[in-house]
């Protein structure tokens, strides 16, 4: 049974930083790409960042490029999202997901990030 558990969300002032972490179990973690998504109230879920199975390739949404950094530790089965220079527009529930081919097939329960102005 695949499980993804996000942590690290919270309330932060604009300009601040947070680091999200996603712990995976029940799958050969080092074989899969991983992604982070977010969903703000009343909006569609949107892509934030992804990382290849070995961490060699990363890709970011334009809205977070240069502010967010995705990384992974295959020894610990974790994928992190370092978020700097946070803006109120970054407020959302953040989800990690397992990438299988071009699809995201497993999702965590999400962690709330709130950025105050």
C-alpha atoms as a PDB file:
ATOM      1  CA  UNK A   1       0.000   0.000   0.000  1.00  0.00           C
ATOM      2  CA  UNK A   2       1.498   3.280  -1.116  1.00  0.00           C
ATOM      3  CA  UNK A   3       1.465   6.083   1.430  1.00  0.00           C
ATOM      4  CA  UNK A   4       2.581   9.665   1.046  1.00  0.00           C
ATOM      5  CA  UNK A   5       2.619  11.891   4.101  1.00  0.00           C
ATOM      6  CA  UNK A   6       3.319  15.603   3.778  1.00  0.00           C
ATOM      7  CA  UNK A   7       4.524  17.774   6.627  1.00  0.00           C
ATOM      8  CA  UNK A   8       6.013  21.194   7.255  1.00  0.00           C
ATOM      9  CA  UNK A   9       3.116  23.433   6.365  1.00  0.00           C
ATOM     10  CA  UNK A  10       2.071  26.358   8.500  1.00  0.00           C
ATOM     11  CA  UNK A  11       1.532  30.101   8.730  1.00  0.00           C
ATOM     12  CA  UNK A  12       4.312  32.428   7.598  1.00  0.00           C
ATOM     13  CA  UNK A  13       4.596  36.110   6.761  1.00  0.00           C
ATOM     14  CA  UNK A  14       5.194  37.262   3.228  1.00  0.00           C
ATOM     15  CA  UNK A  15       8.870  37.062   2.399  1.00  0.00           C
ATOM     16  CA  UNK A  16       9.405  34.162   4.746  1.00  0.00           C
ATOM     17  CA  UNK A  17      10.346  30.554   4.100  1.00  0.00           C
ATOM     18  CA  UNK A  18       8.971  27.095   4.721  1.00  0.00           C
ATOM     19  CA  UNK A  19      10.260  23.641   3.959  1.00  0.00           C
ATOM     20  CA  UNK A  20       7.762  20.937   3.107  1.00  0.00           C
ATOM     21  CA  UNK A  21       8.612  17.277   3.297  1.00  0.00           C
ATOM     22  CA  UNK A  22       6.883  14.219   1.885  1.00  0.00           C
ATOM     23  CA  UNK A  23       7.625  10.768   3.270  1.00  0.00           C
ATOM     24  CA  UNK A  24       6.829   7.856   0.971  1.00  0.00           C
ATOM     25  CA  UNK A  25       6.328   4.187   1.758  1.00  0.00           C
ATOM     26  CA  UNK A  26       5.036   1.083   0.037  1.00  0.00           C
ATOM     27  CA  UNK A  27       6.864   1.582  -3.264  1.00  0.00           C
ATOM     28  CA  UNK A  28      10.404   1.485  -4.692  1.00  0.00           C
ATOM     29  CA  UNK A  29      10.810   5.198  -4.157  1.00  0.00           C
ATOM     30  CA  UNK A  30      14.071   5.592  -6.056  1.00  0.00           C
ATOM     31  CA  UNK A  31      12.401   4.275  -9.220  1.00  0.00           C
ATOM     32  CA  UNK A  32       9.883   7.083  -9.559  1.00  0.00           C
ATOM     33  CA  UNK A  33       9.764  10.745 -10.275  1.00  0.00           C
ATOM     34  CA  UNK A  34       7.949  12.875  -7.733  1.00  0.00           C
ATOM     35  CA  UNK A  35       5.994  16.073  -7.916  1.00  0.00           C
ATOM     36  CA  UNK A  36       4.523  18.817  -5.784  1.00  0.00           C
ATOM     37  CA  UNK A  37       1.178  20.412  -6.532  1.00  0.00           C
ATOM     38  CA  UNK A  38      -0.987  22.961  -4.770  1.00  0.00           C
ATOM     39  CA  UNK A  39      -4.617  23.920  -4.616  1.00  0.00           C
ATOM     40  CA  UNK A  40      -5.844  27.292  -3.418  1.00  0.00           C
ATOM     41  CA  UNK A  41      -9.434  27.820  -2.278  1.00  0.00           C
ATOM     42  CA  UNK A  42     -11.790  27.958  -5.228  1.00  0.00           C
ATOM     43  CA  UNK A  43      -9.051  27.119  -7.725  1.00  0.00           C
ATOM     44  CA  UNK A  44      -7.921  24.085  -9.665  1.00  0.00           C
ATOM     45  CA  UNK A  45      -4.994  22.025  -8.434  1.00  0.00           C
ATOM     46  CA  UNK A  46      -1.845  23.274 -10.140  1.00  0.00           C
ATOM     47  CA  UNK A  47       1.613  21.909 -10.753  1.00  0.00           C
ATOM     48  CA  UNK A  48       4.439  23.372  -8.677  1.00  0.00           C
ATOM     49  CA  UNK A  49       7.584  21.296  -9.247  1.00  0.00           C
ATOM     50  CA  UNK A  50       8.823  17.861 -10.126  1.00  0.00           C
ATOM     51  CA  UNK A  51      12.019  15.876  -9.805  1.00  0.00           C
ATOM     52  CA  UNK A  52      13.289  12.831 -11.637  1.00  0.00           C
ATOM     53  CA  UNK A  53      13.822   9.457  -9.986  1.00  0.00           C
ATOM     54  CA  UNK A  54      17.484  10.154  -9.262  1.00  0.00           C
ATOM     55  CA  UNK A  55      17.191  13.875  -8.592  1.00  0.00           C
ATOM     56  CA  UNK A  56      19.094  14.715 -11.742  1.00  0.00           C
ATOM     57  CA  UNK A  57      16.328  16.707 -13.397  1.00  0.00           C
ATOM     58  CA  UNK A  58      13.973  19.239 -11.909  1.00  0.00           C
ATOM     59  CA  UNK A  59      11.228  21.376 -13.406  1.00  0.00           C
ATOM     60  CA  UNK A  60       9.251  24.256 -11.938  1.00  0.00           C
ATOM     61  CA  UNK A  61       6.140  26.233 -12.637  1.00  0.00           C
ATOM     62  CA  UNK A  62       6.948  29.746 -13.797  1.00  0.00           C
ATOM     63  CA  UNK A  63       5.220  31.152 -10.737  1.00  0.00           C
ATOM     64  CA  UNK A  64       7.720  29.550  -8.352  1.00  0.00           C
ATOM     65  CA  UNK A  65      10.872  29.396 -10.468  1.00  0.00           C
ATOM     66  CA  UNK A  66      13.783  30.909  -8.563  1.00  0.00           C
ATOM     67  CA  UNK A  67      11.942  30.845  -5.221  1.00  0.00           C
ATOM     68  CA  UNK A  68      11.205  27.136  -4.675  1.00  0.00           C
ATOM     69  CA  UNK A  69      13.608  24.208  -4.771  1.00  0.00           C
ATOM     70  CA  UNK A  70      12.614  20.560  -4.965  1.00  0.00           C
ATOM     71  CA  UNK A  71      14.999  17.871  -3.738  1.00  0.00           C
ATOM     72  CA  UNK A  72      14.886  14.230  -2.741  1.00  0.00           C
ATOM     73  CA  UNK A  73      16.699  11.787  -0.514  1.00  0.00           C
ATOM     74  CA  UNK A  74      16.315   8.276  -1.875  1.00  0.00           C
ATOM     75  CA  UNK A  75      17.953   6.785   1.208  1.00  0.00           C
ATOM     76  CA  UNK A  76      15.188   8.259   3.361  1.00  0.00           C
ATOM     77  CA  UNK A  77      12.343   7.996   0.823  1.00  0.00           C
ATOM     78  CA  UNK A  78      11.604  11.681   1.100  1.00  0.00           C
ATOM     79  CA  UNK A  79      11.055  14.556  -1.268  1.00  0.00           C
ATOM     80  CA  UNK A  80      11.251  18.132  -0.018  1.00  0.00           C
ATOM     81  CA  UNK A  81      10.113  21.509  -1.264  1.00  0.00           C
ATOM     82  CA  UNK A  82      12.065  24.486   0.009  1.00  0.00           C
ATOM     83  CA  UNK A  83       9.947  27.601  -0.407  1.00  0.00           C
ATOM     84  CA  UNK A  84      11.575  31.013  -0.098  1.00  0.00           C
ATOM     85  CA  UNK A  85      10.319  34.554  -0.636  1.00  0.00           C
ATOM     86  CA  UNK A  86       6.791  33.387  -0.041  1.00  0.00           C
ATOM     87  CA  UNK A  87       3.902  35.492  -1.264  1.00  0.00           C
ATOM     88  CA  UNK A  88       0.234  35.575  -0.229  1.00  0.00           C
ATOM     89  CA  UNK A  89      -0.519  34.014  -3.612  1.00  0.00           C
ATOM     90  CA  UNK A  90       1.371  30.899  -2.529  1.00  0.00           C
ATOM     91  CA  UNK A  91      -1.331  30.168   0.042  1.00  0.00           C
ATOM     92  CA  UNK A  92      -2.732  26.727  -0.732  1.00  0.00           C
ATOM     93  CA  UNK A  93      -2.849  23.108   0.297  1.00  0.00           C
ATOM     94  CA  UNK A  94       0.330  21.477  -0.995  1.00  0.00           C
ATOM     95  CA  UNK A  95       0.365  17.862  -2.169  1.00  0.00           C
ATOM     96  CA  UNK A  96       3.138  15.511  -3.145  1.00  0.00           C
ATOM     97  CA  UNK A  97       2.540  12.847  -5.765  1.00  0.00           C
ATOM     98  CA  UNK A  98       4.261   9.896  -7.412  1.00  0.00           C
ATOM     99  CA  UNK A  99       4.934  10.290 -11.105  1.00  0.00           C
ATOM    100  CA  UNK A 100       4.488   7.157 -13.206  1.00  0.00           C
ATOM    101  CA  UNK A 101       5.340   7.851 -16.802  1.00  0.00           C
ATOM    102  CA  UNK A 102       3.620  11.163 -17.440  1.00  0.00           C
ATOM    103  CA  UNK A 103       0.852  10.625 -14.912  1.00  0.00           C
ATOM    104  CA  UNK A 104       0.679  11.222 -11.183  1.00  0.00           C
ATOM    105  CA  UNK A 105      -0.874   8.129  -9.701  1.00  0.00           C
ATOM    106  CA  UNK A 106      -0.533   8.401  -5.927  1.00  0.00           C
ATOM    107  CA  UNK A 107      -1.217  11.474  -3.811  1.00  0.00           C
ATOM    108  CA  UNK A 108      -0.704  12.529  -0.242  1.00  0.00           C
ATOM    109  CA  UNK A 109      -3.347  14.119   1.944  1.00  0.00           C
ATOM    110  CA  UNK A 110      -1.844  17.580   1.686  1.00  0.00           C
ATOM    111  CA  UNK A 111      -0.429  20.172   4.049  1.00  0.00           C
ATOM    112  CA  UNK A 112      -1.718  23.715   4.442  1.00  0.00           C
ATOM    113  CA  UNK A 113       0.524  26.669   3.702  1.00  0.00           C
ATOM    114  CA  UNK A 114      -0.768  30.122   4.587  1.00  0.00           C
ATOM    115  CA  UNK A 115       1.191  33.256   3.750  1.00  0.00           C
ATOM    116  CA  UNK A 116       0.032  36.453   5.420  1.00  0.00           C
ATOM    117  CA  UNK A 117       0.632  39.890   3.960  1.00  0.00           C
END
